[in-house]
């Protein structure tokens, strides 16, 4: 349940007692956030590329 809450951005269900647990929870949250951002970039890049082609935003003005 803690992992699901951290992945969802809610936080931990029960705060870890030890320093190692708190550090792990923080690092895991940052890591999951980076993975989500990278996945969104991979998924949305083709859509953004198609929009640039549609509006001719990728042509250089010479």
Protein backbone atom coordinates (compact mmCIF):
# COMPACT_ATOMS: atom_id res chain seq x y z
CA UNK A 1 0.00 0.00 0.00
CA UNK A 2 2.91 2.37 0.72
CA UNK A 3 4.37 1.80 -2.76
CA UNK A 4 1.02 2.52 -4.43
CA UNK A 5 0.60 5.74 -2.45
CA UNK A 6 4.13 6.92 -3.25
CA UNK A 7 3.69 6.15 -6.97
CA UNK A 8 0.39 8.03 -6.97
CA UNK A 9 2.04 11.08 -5.42
CA UNK A 10 -0.02 10.93 -2.25
CA UNK A 11 2.84 10.05 0.06
CA UNK A 12 3.31 7.18 2.43
CA UNK A 13 0.44 5.46 4.20
CA UNK A 14 2.49 4.99 7.35
CA UNK A 15 5.64 7.05 7.83
CA UNK A 16 8.73 4.86 8.19
CA UNK A 17 10.30 4.88 11.65
CA UNK A 18 13.95 4.47 10.69
CA UNK A 19 16.16 6.97 8.88
CA UNK A 20 16.91 4.39 6.19
CA UNK A 21 13.21 3.88 5.55
CA UNK A 22 12.62 7.61 5.25
CA UNK A 23 15.53 8.01 2.83
CA UNK A 24 14.34 5.04 0.77
CA UNK A 25 10.83 6.48 0.61
CA UNK A 26 12.13 9.86 -0.59
CA UNK A 27 14.48 8.37 -3.20
CA UNK A 28 11.79 6.00 -4.43
CA UNK A 29 9.35 8.88 -4.83
CA UNK A 30 11.86 10.93 -6.85
CA UNK A 31 12.74 7.92 -9.00
CA UNK A 32 9.11 7.14 -9.76
CA UNK A 33 8.49 10.79 -10.64
CA UNK A 34 11.37 10.74 -13.12
CA UNK A 35 10.16 7.49 -14.66
CA UNK A 36 6.66 8.93 -15.12
CA UNK A 37 8.05 12.08 -16.75
CA UNK A 38 10.26 10.03 -19.10
CA UNK A 39 7.35 7.80 -20.06
CA UNK A 40 5.15 10.82 -20.77
CA UNK A 41 7.90 12.29 -22.92
CA UNK A 42 8.18 9.10 -24.96
CA UNK A 43 4.42 8.84 -25.39
CA UNK A 44 3.76 12.52 -26.15
CA UNK A 45 6.79 13.20 -28.40
CA UNK A 46 5.17 11.75 -31.56
CA UNK A 47 2.02 13.77 -30.92
CA UNK A 48 4.01 16.99 -30.51
CA UNK A 49 6.00 16.15 -33.64
CA UNK A 50 2.80 15.64 -35.63
CA UNK A 51 1.45 19.00 -34.41
CA UNK A 52 4.67 20.73 -35.46
CA UNK A 53 4.34 19.23 -38.94
CA UNK A 54 0.67 20.20 -39.14
CA UNK A 55 1.42 23.88 -38.42
CA UNK A 56 4.77 23.90 -40.28
CA UNK A 57 6.64 24.86 -37.12
CA UNK A 58 9.72 22.82 -37.99
CA UNK A 59 10.61 24.63 -41.22
CA UNK A 60 13.49 27.07 -41.12
CA UNK A 61 12.87 30.57 -42.46
CA UNK A 62 15.66 31.24 -44.96
